[in-house]
């Protein structure tokens, strides 16, 4: 008979079996709850901050816009364009009394000046009579401040506006046998002159020095320009006194337009010798 095989005993566990780890659900729920409360508190704080004083927020926005507008206006007025008010009839009908114009401050530097350009210049030669003392009112400082930053046009009596006829070195003569101006020996047909009146002939013969220009008004019979001030520095205007080139009529609305320097009038004029 076959021998009986020995039975292998079942494995024994020497120690107690550890139960599987169970996450502490109570601790997790408490952490999530605390985080949720913190988020709600932060959201509520932000909402309260936004809705705390709507008027104050609105005023801050308005103040920011005003400050930005003033700074931009000042920068534009200082480096690019400046507004001026036209008080006289000397440039009719190119410019009318009470027109507001924008002047390009980049002329004559860095951009060159051309014959025919309408320019605004400071009255350093005493062409204008002394200005009366300015009346001071309760809001004069407001007007002065707005003019300074460029939000109002300059309406002082310290500037003039004329058209450049002669550049440095040009020989300008009035008049030839046909009553026309000549520049460097070439007569010109001045299309910009006020057609309402025939210009009176006022004879002159000048050569423009370096650093200066010869200027005349389009309303020839009503313009005290270089011709009327030849006893003062020959009637010439220093280039350094030019504020810039008048580029645009900005007001009134029915007269908004760019200003022409009539290049065809001067296209046949030879360069100064």
C-alpha atoms as a PDB file:
ATOM      1  CA  UNK A   1       0.000   0.000   0.000  1.00  0.00           C
ATOM      2  CA  UNK A   2       1.221   3.491  -0.715  1.00  0.00           C
ATOM      3  CA  UNK A   3       2.517   5.576   2.107  1.00  0.00           C
ATOM      4  CA  UNK A   4       0.297   8.365   3.537  1.00  0.00           C
ATOM      5  CA  UNK A   5       1.685  11.880   2.442  1.00  0.00           C
ATOM      6  CA  UNK A   6       2.284  14.412   5.158  1.00  0.00           C
ATOM      7  CA  UNK A   7      -0.088  17.464   5.102  1.00  0.00           C
ATOM      8  CA  UNK A   8       1.411  20.973   4.915  1.00  0.00           C
ATOM      9  CA  UNK A   9       0.140  23.067   7.745  1.00  0.00           C
ATOM     10  CA  UNK A  10      -1.713  26.370   6.906  1.00  0.00           C
ATOM     11  CA  UNK A  11       0.434  29.471   7.204  1.00  0.00           C
ATOM     12  CA  UNK A  12       0.213  31.157  10.535  1.00  0.00           C
ATOM     13  CA  UNK A  13       0.148  34.933  11.266  1.00  0.00           C
ATOM     14  CA  UNK A  14       2.425  35.847  14.074  1.00  0.00           C
ATOM     15  CA  UNK A  15       0.724  39.157  14.818  1.00  0.00           C
ATOM     16  CA  UNK A  16      -2.655  40.748  14.467  1.00  0.00           C
ATOM     17  CA  UNK A  17      -3.578  41.911  10.981  1.00  0.00           C
ATOM     18  CA  UNK A  18      -3.719  45.758  10.619  1.00  0.00           C
ATOM     19  CA  UNK A  19      -6.918  47.017   9.099  1.00  0.00           C
ATOM     20  CA  UNK A  20      -6.599  49.142   5.911  1.00  0.00           C
ATOM     21  CA  UNK A  21      -6.015  52.849   6.483  1.00  0.00           C
ATOM     22  CA  UNK A  22      -9.191  54.846   6.311  1.00  0.00           C
ATOM     23  CA  UNK A  23      -8.875  58.578   5.564  1.00  0.00           C
ATOM     24  CA  UNK A  24      -9.916  60.821   8.367  1.00  0.00           C
ATOM     25  CA  UNK A  25     -12.983  62.219   6.719  1.00  0.00           C
ATOM     26  CA  UNK A  26     -13.669  64.568   9.568  1.00  0.00           C
ATOM     27  CA  UNK A  27     -10.330  66.440   9.138  1.00  0.00           C
ATOM     28  CA  UNK A  28     -10.664  66.804   5.338  1.00  0.00           C
ATOM     29  CA  UNK A  29     -14.177  68.141   5.522  1.00  0.00           C
ATOM     30  CA  UNK A  30     -13.101  70.699   8.107  1.00  0.00           C
ATOM     31  CA  UNK A  31     -10.197  71.951   5.897  1.00  0.00           C
ATOM     32  CA  UNK A  32     -12.424  72.266   2.852  1.00  0.00           C
ATOM     33  CA  UNK A  33     -15.002  74.121   4.857  1.00  0.00           C
ATOM     34  CA  UNK A  34     -12.392  76.565   6.200  1.00  0.00           C
ATOM     35  CA  UNK A  35     -11.041  77.230   2.669  1.00  0.00           C
ATOM     36  CA  UNK A  36     -14.547  77.832   1.379  1.00  0.00           C
ATOM     37  CA  UNK A  37     -15.221  80.305   4.180  1.00  0.00           C
ATOM     38  CA  UNK A  38     -11.972  82.173   3.423  1.00  0.00           C
ATOM     39  CA  UNK A  39     -12.835  82.429  -0.265  1.00  0.00           C
ATOM     40  CA  UNK A  40     -16.287  83.734   0.554  1.00  0.00           C
ATOM     41  CA  UNK A  41     -14.796  86.300   2.915  1.00  0.00           C
ATOM     42  CA  UNK A  42     -12.345  87.539   0.287  1.00  0.00           C
ATOM     43  CA  UNK A  43     -15.080  87.801  -2.326  1.00  0.00           C
ATOM     44  CA  UNK A  44     -17.301  89.642   0.086  1.00  0.00           C
ATOM     45  CA  UNK A  45     -14.478  92.056   0.948  1.00  0.00           C
ATOM     46  CA  UNK A  46     -13.849  92.832  -2.709  1.00  0.00           C
ATOM     47  CA  UNK A  47     -17.548  93.342  -3.354  1.00  0.00           C
ATOM     48  CA  UNK A  48     -17.821  95.641  -0.358  1.00  0.00           C
ATOM     49  CA  UNK A  49     -14.792  97.615  -1.500  1.00  0.00           C
ATOM     50  CA  UNK A  50     -16.281  98.080  -4.956  1.00  0.00           C
ATOM     51  CA  UNK A  51     -19.729  98.978  -3.776  1.00  0.00           C
ATOM     52  CA  UNK A  52     -18.638 100.927  -0.718  1.00  0.00           C
ATOM     53  CA  UNK A  53     -18.849 104.438  -2.354  1.00  0.00           C
ATOM     54  CA  UNK A  54     -19.811 104.485  -6.050  1.00  0.00           C
ATOM     55  CA  UNK A  55     -19.659 108.309  -6.162  1.00  0.00           C
ATOM     56  CA  UNK A  56     -16.046 108.286  -4.992  1.00  0.00           C
ATOM     57  CA  UNK A  57     -15.139 105.723  -7.640  1.00  0.00           C
ATOM     58  CA  UNK A  58     -16.826 107.793 -10.334  1.00  0.00           C
ATOM     59  CA  UNK A  59     -14.993 110.941  -9.220  1.00  0.00           C
ATOM     60  CA  UNK A  60     -11.666 109.092  -9.314  1.00  0.00           C
ATOM     61  CA  UNK A  61     -12.317 107.971 -12.879  1.00  0.00           C
ATOM     62  CA  UNK A  62     -13.236 111.515 -13.953  1.00  0.00           C
ATOM     63  CA  UNK A  63     -10.135 112.932 -12.262  1.00  0.00           C
ATOM     64  CA  UNK A  64      -7.940 110.363 -14.025  1.00  0.00           C
ATOM     65  CA  UNK A  65      -9.406 111.241 -17.429  1.00  0.00           C
ATOM     66  CA  UNK A  66      -8.955 114.979 -16.795  1.00  0.00           C
ATOM     67  CA  UNK A  67      -5.339 114.567 -15.703  1.00  0.00           C
ATOM     68  CA  UNK A  68      -4.522 112.460 -18.762  1.00  0.00           C
ATOM     69  CA  UNK A  69      -6.224 115.007 -21.049  1.00  0.00           C
ATOM     70  CA  UNK A  70      -4.310 117.910 -19.498  1.00  0.00           C
ATOM     71  CA  UNK A  71      -0.954 116.130 -19.724  1.00  0.00           C
ATOM     72  CA  UNK A  72      -1.534 115.106 -23.362  1.00  0.00           C
ATOM     73  CA  UNK A  73      -2.701 118.606 -24.263  1.00  0.00           C
ATOM     74  CA  UNK A  74       0.367 120.149 -22.653  1.00  0.00           C
ATOM     75  CA  UNK A  75       2.707 117.755 -24.465  1.00  0.00           C
ATOM     76  CA  UNK A  76       0.981 118.406 -27.807  1.00  0.00           C
ATOM     77  CA  UNK A  77       1.049 122.175 -27.231  1.00  0.00           C
ATOM     78  CA  UNK A  78       4.714 122.061 -26.253  1.00  0.00           C
ATOM     79  CA  UNK A  79       6.069 119.796 -28.981  1.00  0.00           C
ATOM     80  CA  UNK A  80       3.552 119.451 -31.853  1.00  0.00           C
ATOM     81  CA  UNK A  81       0.663 121.901 -32.211  1.00  0.00           C
ATOM     82  CA  UNK A  82      -0.522 125.091 -30.545  1.00  0.00           C
ATOM     83  CA  UNK A  83      -3.808 126.960 -30.918  1.00  0.00           C
ATOM     84  CA  UNK A  84      -4.018 130.679 -31.747  1.00  0.00           C
ATOM     85  CA  UNK A  85      -6.801 133.234 -32.102  1.00  0.00           C
ATOM     86  CA  UNK A  86      -6.942 135.618 -35.110  1.00  0.00           C
ATOM     87  CA  UNK A  87      -7.773 139.160 -33.943  1.00  0.00           C
ATOM     88  CA  UNK A  88      -7.298 141.204 -37.151  1.00  0.00           C
ATOM     89  CA  UNK A  89      -8.206 141.351 -40.838  1.00  0.00           C
ATOM     90  CA  UNK A  90      -4.646 141.336 -42.192  1.00  0.00           C
ATOM     91  CA  UNK A  91      -4.978 137.804 -43.638  1.00  0.00           C
ATOM     92  CA  UNK A  92      -8.515 138.035 -45.073  1.00  0.00           C
ATOM     93  CA  UNK A  93      -9.803 136.092 -46.837  1.00  0.00           C
ATOM     94  CA  UNK A  94      -7.416 133.267 -45.968  1.00  0.00           C
ATOM     95  CA  UNK A  95      -8.076 133.893 -42.283  1.00  0.00           C
ATOM     96  CA  UNK A  96     -11.048 135.766 -40.862  1.00  0.00           C
ATOM     97  CA  UNK A  97     -11.318 137.662 -37.601  1.00  0.00           C
ATOM     98  CA  UNK A  98     -12.057 135.278 -34.689  1.00  0.00           C
ATOM     99  CA  UNK A  99     -10.760 132.204 -36.529  1.00  0.00           C
ATOM    100  CA  UNK A 100      -8.961 129.656 -34.352  1.00  0.00           C
ATOM    101  CA  UNK A 101      -5.958 128.003 -35.959  1.00  0.00           C
ATOM    102  CA  UNK A 102      -3.576 125.180 -35.111  1.00  0.00           C
ATOM    103  CA  UNK A 103       0.104 125.912 -35.648  1.00  0.00           C
ATOM    104  CA  UNK A 104       2.628 123.192 -36.466  1.00  0.00           C
ATOM    105  CA  UNK A 105       5.520 123.756 -34.047  1.00  0.00           C
ATOM    106  CA  UNK A 106       7.860 121.494 -36.048  1.00  0.00           C
ATOM    107  CA  UNK A 107       8.395 124.277 -38.638  1.00  0.00           C
ATOM    108  CA  UNK A 108      10.955 125.785 -39.230  1.00  0.00           C
ATOM    109  CA  UNK A 109      12.783 123.075 -37.265  1.00  0.00           C
ATOM    110  CA  UNK A 110      13.133 120.183 -37.809  1.00  0.00           C
ATOM    111  CA  UNK A 111      11.013 120.645 -40.962  1.00  0.00           C
ATOM    112  CA  UNK A 112      12.037 123.385 -43.375  1.00  0.00           C
ATOM    113  CA  UNK A 113      10.111 126.583 -43.997  1.00  0.00           C
ATOM    114  CA  UNK A 114       8.808 127.249 -47.523  1.00  0.00           C
ATOM    115  CA  UNK A 115       7.773 130.336 -49.428  1.00  0.00           C
ATOM    116  CA  UNK A 116       4.034 130.756 -49.095  1.00  0.00           C
ATOM    117  CA  UNK A 117       3.793 129.260 -45.604  1.00  0.00           C
ATOM    118  CA  UNK A 118       1.467 131.096 -43.230  1.00  0.00           C
ATOM    119  CA  UNK A 119       3.410 131.614 -40.005  1.00  0.00           C
ATOM    120  CA  UNK A 120       2.753 132.860 -36.481  1.00  0.00           C
ATOM    121  CA  UNK A 121       5.588 134.787 -34.851  1.00  0.00           C
ATOM    122  CA  UNK A 122       6.317 136.619 -31.621  1.00  0.00           C
ATOM    123  CA  UNK A 123       6.300 140.412 -31.780  1.00  0.00           C
ATOM    124  CA  UNK A 124       9.852 141.137 -30.658  1.00  0.00           C
ATOM    125  CA  UNK A 125      10.258 144.083 -33.074  1.00  0.00           C
ATOM    126  CA  UNK A 126       7.537 146.268 -31.602  1.00  0.00           C
ATOM    127  CA  UNK A 127       5.191 146.067 -34.586  1.00  0.00           C
ATOM    128  CA  UNK A 128       2.140 146.075 -32.340  1.00  0.00           C
ATOM    129  CA  UNK A 129       1.097 148.891 -30.011  1.00  0.00           C
ATOM    130  CA  UNK A 130       1.548 148.184 -26.299  1.00  0.00           C
ATOM    131  CA  UNK A 131      -1.171 145.858 -25.081  1.00  0.00           C
ATOM    132  CA  UNK A 132      -3.517 147.311 -22.461  1.00  0.00           C
ATOM    133  CA  UNK A 133      -3.330 145.879 -18.976  1.00  0.00           C
ATOM    134  CA  UNK A 134      -5.357 142.707 -18.756  1.00  0.00           C
ATOM    135  CA  UNK A 135      -8.397 142.947 -16.533  1.00  0.00           C
ATOM    136  CA  UNK A 136      -8.280 140.413 -13.752  1.00  0.00           C
ATOM    137  CA  UNK A 137     -11.471 138.550 -12.907  1.00  0.00           C
ATOM    138  CA  UNK A 138     -12.338 135.821 -10.438  1.00  0.00           C
ATOM    139  CA  UNK A 139     -11.702 133.133 -13.047  1.00  0.00           C
ATOM    140  CA  UNK A 140      -8.795 134.722 -14.944  1.00  0.00           C
ATOM    141  CA  UNK A 141      -6.411 132.151 -13.492  1.00  0.00           C
ATOM    142  CA  UNK A 142      -8.575 129.373 -14.940  1.00  0.00           C
ATOM    143  CA  UNK A 143      -8.383 130.858 -18.433  1.00  0.00           C
ATOM    144  CA  UNK A 144      -4.639 131.437 -18.106  1.00  0.00           C
ATOM    145  CA  UNK A 145      -4.127 127.872 -16.942  1.00  0.00           C
ATOM    146  CA  UNK A 146      -6.153 126.389 -19.792  1.00  0.00           C
ATOM    147  CA  UNK A 147      -4.250 128.557 -22.288  1.00  0.00           C
ATOM    148  CA  UNK A 148      -0.942 127.456 -20.775  1.00  0.00           C
ATOM    149  CA  UNK A 149      -1.709 123.746 -21.165  1.00  0.00           C
ATOM    150  CA  UNK A 150      -3.150 124.270 -24.653  1.00  0.00           C
ATOM    151  CA  UNK A 151      -6.852 123.661 -24.001  1.00  0.00           C
ATOM    152  CA  UNK A 152      -7.661 127.268 -25.008  1.00  0.00           C
ATOM    153  CA  UNK A 153      -6.172 129.232 -27.941  1.00  0.00           C
ATOM    154  CA  UNK A 154      -3.688 131.998 -27.258  1.00  0.00           C
ATOM    155  CA  UNK A 155      -5.606 135.271 -27.649  1.00  0.00           C
ATOM    156  CA  UNK A 156      -2.936 137.607 -26.335  1.00  0.00           C
ATOM    157  CA  UNK A 157      -1.605 140.527 -28.394  1.00  0.00           C
ATOM    158  CA  UNK A 158       1.951 139.195 -28.457  1.00  0.00           C
ATOM    159  CA  UNK A 159       1.813 137.349 -31.799  1.00  0.00           C
ATOM    160  CA  UNK A 160       1.224 138.136 -35.464  1.00  0.00           C
ATOM    161  CA  UNK A 161       0.324 135.978 -38.453  1.00  0.00           C
ATOM    162  CA  UNK A 162       1.571 136.612 -42.019  1.00  0.00           C
ATOM    163  CA  UNK A 163       2.627 134.739 -45.158  1.00  0.00           C
ATOM    164  CA  UNK A 164       6.302 134.088 -45.894  1.00  0.00           C
ATOM    165  CA  UNK A 165       7.297 135.714 -49.190  1.00  0.00           C
ATOM    166  CA  UNK A 166      11.083 135.828 -48.978  1.00  0.00           C
ATOM    167  CA  UNK A 167      13.435 133.240 -47.470  1.00  0.00           C
ATOM    168  CA  UNK A 168      17.033 133.923 -46.397  1.00  0.00           C
ATOM    169  CA  UNK A 169      19.032 135.151 -49.414  1.00  0.00           C
ATOM    170  CA  UNK A 170      15.962 135.959 -51.561  1.00  0.00           C
ATOM    171  CA  UNK A 171      15.858 139.232 -53.524  1.00  0.00           C
ATOM    172  CA  UNK A 172      12.273 140.525 -53.277  1.00  0.00           C
ATOM    173  CA  UNK A 173      11.140 143.523 -55.323  1.00  0.00           C
ATOM    174  CA  UNK A 174       7.874 145.389 -55.771  1.00  0.00           C
ATOM    175  CA  UNK A 175       6.979 145.743 -58.431  1.00  0.00           C
ATOM    176  CA  UNK A 176       7.607 144.903 -62.085  1.00  0.00           C
ATOM    177  CA  UNK A 177       5.969 146.694 -65.013  1.00  0.00           C
ATOM    178  CA  UNK A 178       2.831 144.609 -64.519  1.00  0.00           C
ATOM    179  CA  UNK A 179       2.546 145.463 -60.819  1.00  0.00           C
ATOM    180  CA  UNK A 180       3.669 141.998 -59.674  1.00  0.00           C
ATOM    181  CA  UNK A 181       6.166 140.996 -57.002  1.00  0.00           C
ATOM    182  CA  UNK A 182       9.416 139.476 -58.205  1.00  0.00           C
ATOM    183  CA  UNK A 183      11.547 137.019 -56.259  1.00  0.00           C
ATOM    184  CA  UNK A 184      15.089 136.434 -57.490  1.00  0.00           C
ATOM    185  CA  UNK A 185      14.106 138.090 -60.778  1.00  0.00           C
ATOM    186  CA  UNK A 186      10.958 135.988 -61.378  1.00  0.00           C
ATOM    187  CA  UNK A 187       7.493 137.562 -61.179  1.00  0.00           C
ATOM    188  CA  UNK A 188       4.756 135.660 -59.322  1.00  0.00           C
ATOM    189  CA  UNK A 189       0.966 135.567 -59.579  1.00  0.00           C
ATOM    190  CA  UNK A 190      -0.181 135.741 -55.963  1.00  0.00           C
ATOM    191  CA  UNK A 191      -3.357 133.639 -55.966  1.00  0.00           C
ATOM    192  CA  UNK A 192      -3.817 134.041 -52.209  1.00  0.00           C
ATOM    193  CA  UNK A 193      -4.324 137.834 -52.198  1.00  0.00           C
ATOM    194  CA  UNK A 194      -7.759 139.073 -51.096  1.00  0.00           C
ATOM    195  CA  UNK A 195      -9.651 139.443 -54.412  1.00  0.00           C
ATOM    196  CA  UNK A 196     -12.027 142.060 -52.988  1.00  0.00           C
ATOM    197  CA  UNK A 197      -9.477 144.866 -53.513  1.00  0.00           C
ATOM    198  CA  UNK A 198      -6.686 145.678 -55.947  1.00  0.00           C
ATOM    199  CA  UNK A 199      -3.448 145.855 -53.908  1.00  0.00           C
ATOM    200  CA  UNK A 200      -1.870 149.300 -53.702  1.00  0.00           C
ATOM    201  CA  UNK A 201       1.664 149.418 -55.016  1.00  0.00           C
ATOM    202  CA  UNK A 202       4.249 150.073 -52.287  1.00  0.00           C
ATOM    203  CA  UNK A 203       7.697 149.981 -53.787  1.00  0.00           C
ATOM    204  CA  UNK A 204      10.541 148.174 -52.052  1.00  0.00           C
ATOM    205  CA  UNK A 205      13.710 146.340 -53.017  1.00  0.00           C
ATOM    206  CA  UNK A 206      15.178 144.051 -50.340  1.00  0.00           C
ATOM    207  CA  UNK A 207      17.508 141.096 -49.974  1.00  0.00           C
ATOM    208  CA  UNK A 208      16.620 138.877 -47.035  1.00  0.00           C
ATOM    209  CA  UNK A 209      19.551 138.369 -44.625  1.00  0.00           C
ATOM    210  CA  UNK A 210      20.517 134.997 -43.208  1.00  0.00           C
ATOM    211  CA  UNK A 211      18.360 133.874 -40.303  1.00  0.00           C
ATOM    212  CA  UNK A 212      15.443 136.100 -41.325  1.00  0.00           C
ATOM    213  CA  UNK A 213      12.320 136.120 -43.531  1.00  0.00           C
ATOM    214  CA  UNK A 214      10.196 138.730 -45.336  1.00  0.00           C
ATOM    215  CA  UNK A 215       6.468 138.441 -44.569  1.00  0.00           C
ATOM    216  CA  UNK A 216       3.306 140.009 -46.008  1.00  0.00           C
ATOM    217  CA  UNK A 217      -0.408 139.798 -45.312  1.00  0.00           C
ATOM    218  CA  UNK A 218      -2.885 138.411 -47.841  1.00  0.00           C
ATOM    219  CA  UNK A 219      -5.158 141.425 -47.282  1.00  0.00           C
ATOM    220  CA  UNK A 220      -2.493 143.707 -48.747  1.00  0.00           C
ATOM    221  CA  UNK A 221      -4.259 147.046 -48.272  1.00  0.00           C
ATOM    222  CA  UNK A 222      -4.978 146.287 -44.592  1.00  0.00           C
ATOM    223  CA  UNK A 223      -1.784 144.606 -43.408  1.00  0.00           C
ATOM    224  CA  UNK A 224       1.006 146.321 -41.476  1.00  0.00           C
ATOM    225  CA  UNK A 225       3.605 143.766 -42.522  1.00  0.00           C
ATOM    226  CA  UNK A 226       7.297 143.868 -43.443  1.00  0.00           C
ATOM    227  CA  UNK A 227       6.660 146.774 -45.857  1.00  0.00           C
ATOM    228  CA  UNK A 228       5.351 148.972 -43.033  1.00  0.00           C
ATOM    229  CA  UNK A 229       8.272 148.315 -40.650  1.00  0.00           C
ATOM    230  CA  UNK A 230      11.354 148.692 -42.833  1.00  0.00           C
ATOM    231  CA  UNK A 231      12.750 151.227 -40.370  1.00  0.00           C
ATOM    232  CA  UNK A 232      12.942 148.435 -37.764  1.00  0.00           C
ATOM    233  CA  UNK A 233      15.547 145.837 -38.745  1.00  0.00           C
ATOM    234  CA  UNK A 234      14.626 146.316 -42.411  1.00  0.00           C
ATOM    235  CA  UNK A 235      11.164 144.841 -41.821  1.00  0.00           C
ATOM    236  CA  UNK A 236      12.587 141.337 -41.506  1.00  0.00           C
ATOM    237  CA  UNK A 237      11.466 138.723 -38.974  1.00  0.00           C
ATOM    238  CA  UNK A 238      13.985 136.514 -37.174  1.00  0.00           C
ATOM    239  CA  UNK A 239      13.540 132.801 -37.764  1.00  0.00           C
ATOM    240  CA  UNK A 240      13.987 132.240 -34.032  1.00  0.00           C
ATOM    241  CA  UNK A 241      10.826 134.303 -33.393  1.00  0.00           C
ATOM    242  CA  UNK A 242       8.630 131.972 -35.454  1.00  0.00           C
ATOM    243  CA  UNK A 243       6.229 129.884 -33.378  1.00  0.00           C
ATOM    244  CA  UNK A 244       5.478 127.658 -36.365  1.00  0.00           C
ATOM    245  CA  UNK A 245       3.458 127.154 -39.519  1.00  0.00           C
ATOM    246  CA  UNK A 246      -0.313 127.643 -39.425  1.00  0.00           C
ATOM    247  CA  UNK A 247      -1.697 124.300 -40.584  1.00  0.00           C
ATOM    248  CA  UNK A 248      -5.447 124.154 -39.921  1.00  0.00           C
ATOM    249  CA  UNK A 249      -8.425 126.403 -39.249  1.00  0.00           C
ATOM    250  CA  UNK A 250     -10.115 124.578 -36.355  1.00  0.00           C
ATOM    251  CA  UNK A 251     -12.961 126.982 -35.571  1.00  0.00           C
ATOM    252  CA  UNK A 252     -15.657 127.936 -36.493  1.00  0.00           C
ATOM    253  CA  UNK A 253     -16.929 124.594 -37.719  1.00  0.00           C
ATOM    254  CA  UNK A 254     -18.066 125.922 -41.096  1.00  0.00           C
ATOM    255  CA  UNK A 255     -14.493 127.066 -41.852  1.00  0.00           C
ATOM    256  CA  UNK A 256     -12.527 123.969 -40.856  1.00  0.00           C
ATOM    257  CA  UNK A 257      -9.845 123.350 -43.500  1.00  0.00           C
ATOM    258  CA  UNK A 258      -6.128 122.948 -44.022  1.00  0.00           C
ATOM    259  CA  UNK A 259      -4.158 126.033 -45.057  1.00  0.00           C
ATOM    260  CA  UNK A 260      -2.446 126.073 -48.449  1.00  0.00           C
ATOM    261  CA  UNK A 261       1.045 127.432 -49.061  1.00  0.00           C
ATOM    262  CA  UNK A 262       0.384 127.676 -52.846  1.00  0.00           C
ATOM    263  CA  UNK A 263       3.480 125.851 -54.154  1.00  0.00           C
ATOM    264  CA  UNK A 264       2.449 126.562 -57.778  1.00  0.00           C
ATOM    265  CA  UNK A 265       2.850 130.295 -57.157  1.00  0.00           C
ATOM    266  CA  UNK A 266       6.533 129.837 -56.278  1.00  0.00           C
ATOM    267  CA  UNK A 267       7.482 126.789 -58.375  1.00  0.00           C
ATOM    268  CA  UNK A 268       9.389 128.831 -61.010  1.00  0.00           C
ATOM    269  CA  UNK A 269      11.283 130.970 -58.488  1.00  0.00           C
ATOM    270  CA  UNK A 270      14.991 130.116 -58.631  1.00  0.00           C
ATOM    271  CA  UNK A 271      16.998 129.499 -55.486  1.00  0.00           C
ATOM    272  CA  UNK A 272      18.710 132.458 -53.879  1.00  0.00           C
ATOM    273  CA  UNK A 273      22.240 133.082 -55.073  1.00  0.00           C
END
